[in-house]
Amino acid sequence: MEPRLTDVPEPPAPQEEPDVRFTYANERTFLAWNRTALALIATGVAATQLLPKFAITGGRRILGLPLIALGAVVAAASFRQWRANQRAMRRGDPLPHSAMPLVLTVGIVVIGVLGVVVAAFGKG
């Protein structure tokens, strides 16, 4: 059976330069996520180094290390999201869904619960 014209795959969508305002907005969003990531990492380092010792062994690390890890995840995911947005804008596609708000919210809630536990039971 011969291939029909409808069976031929369409060529990739042309890569057009998006409106510079949208490119700048995407970049500002990326930079905002990275400021958040940097704040999480700095807070995590401060928690591991500057908080007083808790009665719970490793209490400072229990609070600080998840903050550092969450900051690293946010930084990596922000680049991935920036790149996906740029690609979609160039192709004229809808912007992809971002999991960043959910990831950040869940991470902060988990770290908050850890903070309550360490603070409630860590001083004896």
N, C-alpha and C. Protein backbone atom coordinates (compact mmCIF):
# COMPACT_ATOMS: atom_id res chain seq x y z
N MET A 1 0.84 -1.16 0.00
CA MET A 1 0.00 0.00 0.00
C MET A 1 0.89 1.24 0.00
N GLU A 2 0.60 2.16 -0.91
CA GLU A 2 1.41 3.37 -1.04
C GLU A 2 1.05 4.38 0.03
N PRO A 3 2.05 5.13 0.55
CA PRO A 3 1.72 6.17 1.52
C PRO A 3 0.90 7.27 0.86
N ARG A 4 -0.05 7.77 1.59
CA ARG A 4 -0.86 8.87 1.09
C ARG A 4 -0.27 10.18 1.59
N LEU A 5 -0.71 11.27 1.00
CA LEU A 5 -0.21 12.58 1.42
C LEU A 5 -0.54 12.87 2.86
N THR A 6 -1.64 12.33 3.35
CA THR A 6 -2.03 12.59 4.74
C THR A 6 -1.15 11.82 5.71
N ASP A 7 -0.40 10.81 5.23
CA ASP A 7 0.47 10.02 6.09
C ASP A 7 1.84 10.66 6.28
N VAL A 8 2.14 11.66 5.49
CA VAL A 8 3.44 12.32 5.58
C VAL A 8 3.45 13.22 6.81
N PRO A 9 4.46 13.08 7.66
CA PRO A 9 4.49 13.94 8.85
C PRO A 9 4.68 15.40 8.46
N GLU A 10 4.07 16.26 9.25
CA GLU A 10 4.20 17.69 9.00
C GLU A 10 5.60 18.15 9.37
N PRO A 11 6.13 19.12 8.65
CA PRO A 11 7.45 19.65 9.03
C PRO A 11 7.34 20.35 10.38
N PRO A 12 8.46 20.44 11.08
CA PRO A 12 8.40 21.12 12.38
C PRO A 12 7.92 22.56 12.23
N ALA A 13 7.26 23.02 13.25
CA ALA A 13 6.75 24.39 13.24
C ALA A 13 7.92 25.37 13.13
N PRO A 14 7.72 26.46 12.39
CA PRO A 14 8.82 27.42 12.24
C PRO A 14 9.17 28.06 13.58
N GLN A 15 10.44 28.33 13.75
CA GLN A 15 10.93 28.97 14.96
C GLN A 15 10.91 30.47 14.73
N GLU A 16 9.95 31.14 15.33
CA GLU A 16 9.85 32.59 15.17
C GLU A 16 10.36 33.26 16.44
N GLU A 17 10.90 34.43 16.25
CA GLU A 17 11.36 35.21 17.39
C GLU A 17 10.14 35.81 18.09
N PRO A 18 9.93 35.48 19.38
CA PRO A 18 8.77 36.04 20.08
C PRO A 18 8.95 37.52 20.37
N ASP A 19 7.85 38.17 20.68
CA ASP A 19 7.89 39.57 21.09
C ASP A 19 8.87 39.70 22.25
N VAL A 20 9.77 40.66 22.14
CA VAL A 20 10.83 40.81 23.14
C VAL A 20 10.26 41.03 24.54
N ARG A 21 9.09 41.63 24.64
CA ARG A 21 8.48 41.84 25.97
C ARG A 21 8.18 40.51 26.65
N PHE A 22 7.75 39.51 25.88
CA PHE A 22 7.46 38.20 26.45
C PHE A 22 8.76 37.48 26.83
N THR A 23 9.78 37.66 26.01
CA THR A 23 11.08 37.07 26.33
C THR A 23 11.63 37.66 27.63
N TYR A 24 11.53 38.97 27.77
CA TYR A 24 11.99 39.62 29.00
C TYR A 24 11.16 39.20 30.21
N ALA A 25 9.86 39.07 30.03
CA ALA A 25 9.00 38.62 31.13
C ALA A 25 9.37 37.21 31.56
N ASN A 26 9.65 36.35 30.60
CA ASN A 26 10.06 34.98 30.91
C ASN A 26 11.39 34.99 31.67
N GLU A 27 12.29 35.85 31.25
CA GLU A 27 13.59 35.96 31.92
C GLU A 27 13.43 36.50 33.35
N ARG A 28 12.58 37.50 33.52
CA ARG A 28 12.34 38.04 34.87
C ARG A 28 11.75 36.98 35.79
N THR A 29 10.86 36.16 35.26
CA THR A 29 10.28 35.08 36.06
C THR A 29 11.36 34.07 36.45
N PHE A 30 12.21 33.73 35.50
CA PHE A 30 13.33 32.83 35.78
C PHE A 30 14.23 33.41 36.88
N LEU A 31 14.54 34.69 36.78
CA LEU A 31 15.40 35.31 37.80
C LEU A 31 14.71 35.37 39.17
N ALA A 32 13.39 35.57 39.19
CA ALA A 32 12.65 35.58 40.46
C ALA A 32 12.71 34.20 41.11
N TRP A 33 12.53 33.15 40.31
CA TRP A 33 12.62 31.80 40.87
C TRP A 33 14.03 31.56 41.42
N ASN A 34 15.05 32.08 40.75
CA ASN A 34 16.41 31.87 41.23
C ASN A 34 16.72 32.68 42.48
N ARG A 35 16.10 33.84 42.63
CA ARG A 35 16.24 34.57 43.91
C ARG A 35 15.61 33.76 45.03
N THR A 36 14.48 33.15 44.76
CA THR A 36 13.83 32.28 45.75
C THR A 36 14.75 31.11 46.09
N ALA A 37 15.33 30.49 45.07
CA ALA A 37 16.23 29.36 45.29
C ALA A 37 17.44 29.79 46.13
N LEU A 38 18.01 30.93 45.81
CA LEU A 38 19.16 31.42 46.56
C LEU A 38 18.79 31.71 48.02
N ALA A 39 17.61 32.28 48.24
CA ALA A 39 17.15 32.55 49.61
C ALA A 39 16.97 31.24 50.38
N LEU A 40 16.42 30.22 49.74
CA LEU A 40 16.26 28.93 50.40
C LEU A 40 17.61 28.32 50.77
N ILE A 41 18.54 28.38 49.84
CA ILE A 41 19.87 27.82 50.10
C ILE A 41 20.58 28.59 51.21
N ALA A 42 20.53 29.91 51.16
CA ALA A 42 21.18 30.72 52.19
C ALA A 42 20.55 30.48 53.56
N THR A 43 19.23 30.35 53.60
CA THR A 43 18.55 30.08 54.87
C THR A 43 18.93 28.70 55.39
N GLY A 44 19.04 27.74 54.50
CA GLY A 44 19.46 26.40 54.91
C GLY A 44 20.87 26.38 55.48
N VAL A 45 21.78 27.09 54.82
CA VAL A 45 23.15 27.17 55.33
C VAL A 45 23.16 27.87 56.68
N ALA A 46 22.41 28.95 56.81
CA ALA A 46 22.34 29.67 58.09
C ALA A 46 21.77 28.77 59.17
N ALA A 47 20.75 27.99 58.85
CA ALA A 47 20.15 27.10 59.85
C ALA A 47 21.15 26.06 60.33
N THR A 48 21.94 25.52 59.42
CA THR A 48 22.90 24.48 59.82
C THR A 48 24.07 25.05 60.60
N GLN A 49 24.38 26.33 60.39
CA GLN A 49 25.57 26.90 61.02
C GLN A 49 25.30 27.85 62.18
N LEU A 50 24.16 28.51 62.20
CA LEU A 50 23.96 29.60 63.15
C LEU A 50 22.91 29.36 64.23
N LEU A 51 21.99 28.44 64.01
CA LEU A 51 20.98 28.18 65.04
C LEU A 51 21.64 27.55 66.26
N PRO A 52 21.08 27.77 67.44
CA PRO A 52 21.62 27.07 68.61
C PRO A 52 21.35 25.57 68.49
N LYS A 53 22.14 24.79 69.20
CA LYS A 53 21.95 23.34 69.15
C LYS A 53 20.63 22.98 69.80
N PHE A 54 19.98 21.98 69.22
CA PHE A 54 18.74 21.46 69.75
C PHE A 54 19.01 20.19 70.54
N ALA A 55 18.07 19.81 71.40
CA ALA A 55 18.20 18.55 72.13
C ALA A 55 18.13 17.36 71.16
N ILE A 56 17.44 17.54 70.06
CA ILE A 56 17.38 16.49 69.03
C ILE A 56 18.71 16.50 68.27
N THR A 57 19.36 15.35 68.23
CA THR A 57 20.63 15.24 67.53
C THR A 57 20.43 15.58 66.06
N GLY A 58 21.24 16.47 65.55
CA GLY A 58 21.16 16.88 64.15
C GLY A 58 19.98 17.78 63.83
N GLY A 59 19.40 18.43 64.84
CA GLY A 59 18.24 19.28 64.64
C GLY A 59 18.48 20.40 63.63
N ARG A 60 19.67 20.99 63.69
CA ARG A 60 19.97 22.06 62.73
C ARG A 60 20.03 21.53 61.30
N ARG A 61 20.59 20.34 61.16
CA ARG A 61 20.65 19.73 59.82
C ARG A 61 19.26 19.30 59.34
N ILE A 62 18.44 18.82 60.28
CA ILE A 62 17.08 18.42 59.92
C ILE A 62 16.32 19.61 59.32
N LEU A 63 16.59 20.81 59.80
CA LEU A 63 15.94 22.01 59.26
C LEU A 63 16.67 22.55 58.03
N GLY A 64 17.98 22.58 58.08
CA GLY A 64 18.75 23.26 57.03
C GLY A 64 18.93 22.50 55.74
N LEU A 65 19.19 21.21 55.82
CA LEU A 65 19.48 20.46 54.60
C LEU A 65 18.29 20.38 53.63
N PRO A 66 17.06 20.18 54.13
CA PRO A 66 15.94 20.22 53.18
C PRO A 66 15.77 21.59 52.51
N LEU A 67 16.08 22.66 53.22
CA LEU A 67 16.01 23.99 52.60
C LEU A 67 17.03 24.11 51.47
N ILE A 68 18.22 23.63 51.71
CA ILE A 68 19.26 23.68 50.68
C ILE A 68 18.85 22.82 49.49
N ALA A 69 18.34 21.63 49.75
CA ALA A 69 17.91 20.74 48.66
C ALA A 69 16.76 21.34 47.88
N LEU A 70 15.79 21.92 48.58
CA LEU A 70 14.66 22.55 47.90
C LEU A 70 15.14 23.72 47.03
N GLY A 71 16.08 24.50 47.53
CA GLY A 71 16.64 25.59 46.74
C GLY A 71 17.31 25.07 45.47
N ALA A 72 18.03 23.98 45.57
CA ALA A 72 18.68 23.40 44.39
C ALA A 72 17.65 22.90 43.38
N VAL A 73 16.58 22.28 43.87
CA VAL A 73 15.52 21.79 42.99
C VAL A 73 14.84 22.97 42.28
N VAL A 74 14.54 24.01 43.03
CA VAL A 74 13.89 25.20 42.43
C VAL A 74 14.79 25.83 41.37
N ALA A 75 16.08 25.92 41.64
CA ALA A 75 17.00 26.51 40.66
C ALA A 75 17.04 25.68 39.38
N ALA A 76 17.15 24.37 39.51
CA ALA A 76 17.20 23.51 38.33
C ALA A 76 15.88 23.54 37.56
N ALA A 77 14.76 23.46 38.29
CA ALA A 77 13.45 23.45 37.64
C ALA A 77 13.16 24.79 36.97
N SER A 78 13.67 25.88 37.53
CA SER A 78 13.41 27.20 36.93
C SER A 78 14.05 27.31 35.56
N PHE A 79 15.24 26.73 35.40
CA PHE A 79 15.88 26.76 34.08
C PHE A 79 15.10 25.92 33.09
N ARG A 80 14.67 24.77 33.53
CA ARG A 80 13.88 23.88 32.66
C ARG A 80 12.59 24.58 32.22
N GLN A 81 11.93 25.27 33.15
CA GLN A 81 10.69 25.97 32.83
C GLN A 81 10.97 27.14 31.89
N TRP A 82 12.03 27.89 32.14
CA TRP A 82 12.39 29.01 31.27
C TRP A 82 12.61 28.52 29.84
N ARG A 83 13.37 27.44 29.70
CA ARG A 83 13.67 26.90 28.38
C ARG A 83 12.40 26.40 27.68
N ALA A 84 11.51 25.73 28.40
CA ALA A 84 10.26 25.24 27.82
C ALA A 84 9.37 26.40 27.39
N ASN A 85 9.33 27.46 28.19
CA ASN A 85 8.54 28.64 27.82
C ASN A 85 9.11 29.29 26.56
N GLN A 86 10.43 29.42 26.49
CA GLN A 86 11.05 30.03 25.30
C GLN A 86 10.72 29.22 24.05
N ARG A 87 10.84 27.91 24.18
CA ARG A 87 10.56 27.04 23.04
C ARG A 87 9.11 27.20 22.58
N ALA A 88 8.18 27.20 23.54
CA ALA A 88 6.76 27.34 23.20
C ALA A 88 6.49 28.69 22.55
N MET A 89 7.08 29.74 23.07
CA MET A 89 6.85 31.07 22.48
C MET A 89 7.39 31.14 21.05
N ARG A 90 8.53 30.53 20.80
CA ARG A 90 9.12 30.55 19.46
C ARG A 90 8.26 29.78 18.47
N ARG A 91 7.63 28.73 18.94
CA ARG A 91 6.79 27.90 18.06
C ARG A 91 5.35 28.42 17.96
N GLY A 92 5.00 29.36 18.83
CA GLY A 92 3.63 29.85 18.85
C GLY A 92 2.68 28.91 19.57
N ASP A 93 3.22 28.03 20.39
CA ASP A 93 2.41 27.07 21.16
C ASP A 93 1.98 27.69 22.48
N PRO A 94 0.96 27.10 23.12
CA PRO A 94 0.62 27.56 24.48
C PRO A 94 1.78 27.29 25.43
N LEU A 95 1.89 28.11 26.44
CA LEU A 95 2.97 27.89 27.43
C LEU A 95 2.70 26.61 28.19
N PRO A 96 3.75 25.85 28.50
CA PRO A 96 3.56 24.60 29.23
C PRO A 96 3.19 24.85 30.69
N HIS A 97 2.54 23.87 31.27
CA HIS A 97 2.16 23.94 32.68
C HIS A 97 3.43 23.91 33.54
N SER A 98 3.43 24.66 34.62
CA SER A 98 4.56 24.69 35.53
C SER A 98 4.21 23.99 36.84
N ALA A 99 5.06 23.06 37.23
CA ALA A 99 4.89 22.39 38.51
C ALA A 99 5.60 23.14 39.64
N MET A 100 6.28 24.23 39.30
CA MET A 100 7.09 24.96 40.29
C MET A 100 6.29 25.42 41.51
N PRO A 101 5.11 26.02 41.36
CA PRO A 101 4.39 26.44 42.55
C PRO A 101 4.03 25.27 43.47
N LEU A 102 3.65 24.14 42.89
CA LEU A 102 3.31 22.97 43.71
C LEU A 102 4.55 22.43 44.42
N VAL A 103 5.65 22.31 43.70
CA VAL A 103 6.89 21.79 44.30
C VAL A 103 7.33 22.69 45.45
N LEU A 104 7.31 23.98 45.23
CA LEU A 104 7.74 24.91 46.28
C LEU A 104 6.79 24.87 47.47
N THR A 105 5.50 24.82 47.22
CA THR A 105 4.52 24.78 48.31
C THR A 105 4.68 23.52 49.15
N VAL A 106 4.75 22.37 48.49
CA VAL A 106 4.91 21.10 49.22
C VAL A 106 6.21 21.10 50.00
N GLY A 107 7.28 21.57 49.37
CA GLY A 107 8.57 21.61 50.07
C GLY A 107 8.54 22.49 51.30
N ILE A 108 7.95 23.66 51.19
CA ILE A 108 7.89 24.57 52.34
C ILE A 108 6.99 24.00 53.44
N VAL A 109 5.89 23.37 53.06
CA VAL A 109 5.01 22.76 54.07
C VAL A 109 5.76 21.66 54.82
N VAL A 110 6.45 20.80 54.10
CA VAL A 110 7.21 19.71 54.75
C VAL A 110 8.27 20.28 55.68
N ILE A 111 9.01 21.27 55.22
CA ILE A 111 10.05 21.87 56.06
C ILE A 111 9.42 22.58 57.25
N GLY A 112 8.27 23.20 57.06
CA GLY A 112 7.57 23.83 58.17
C GLY A 112 7.16 22.83 59.24
N VAL A 113 6.67 21.69 58.81
CA VAL A 113 6.30 20.63 59.77
C VAL A 113 7.54 20.14 60.50
N LEU A 114 8.64 19.95 59.78
CA LEU A 114 9.89 19.57 60.44
C LEU A 114 10.31 20.62 61.46
N GLY A 115 10.16 21.89 61.10
CA GLY A 115 10.51 22.98 62.01
C GLY A 115 9.67 22.94 63.28
N VAL A 116 8.39 22.68 63.16
CA VAL A 116 7.50 22.59 64.33
C VAL A 116 7.95 21.43 65.22
N VAL A 117 8.24 20.29 64.61
CA VAL A 117 8.65 19.12 65.40
C VAL A 117 9.96 19.40 66.12
N VAL A 118 10.94 19.93 65.40
CA VAL A 118 12.24 20.22 66.02
C VAL A 118 12.10 21.27 67.11
N ALA A 119 11.33 22.30 66.86
CA ALA A 119 11.16 23.36 67.86
C ALA A 119 10.38 22.86 69.08
N ALA A 120 9.37 22.04 68.85
CA ALA A 120 8.54 21.56 69.97
C ALA A 120 9.26 20.53 70.83
N PHE A 121 10.03 19.67 70.21
CA PHE A 121 10.66 18.59 70.96
C PHE A 121 12.16 18.74 71.09
N GLY A 122 12.73 19.75 70.48
CA GLY A 122 14.17 19.89 70.44
C GLY A 122 14.79 20.58 71.64
N LYS A 123 14.01 21.28 72.45
CA LYS A 123 14.58 21.99 73.59
C LYS A 123 14.39 21.25 74.90
N GLY A 124 13.65 20.17 74.82
CA GLY A 124 13.47 19.34 76.00
C GLY A 124 12.57 19.90 76.96
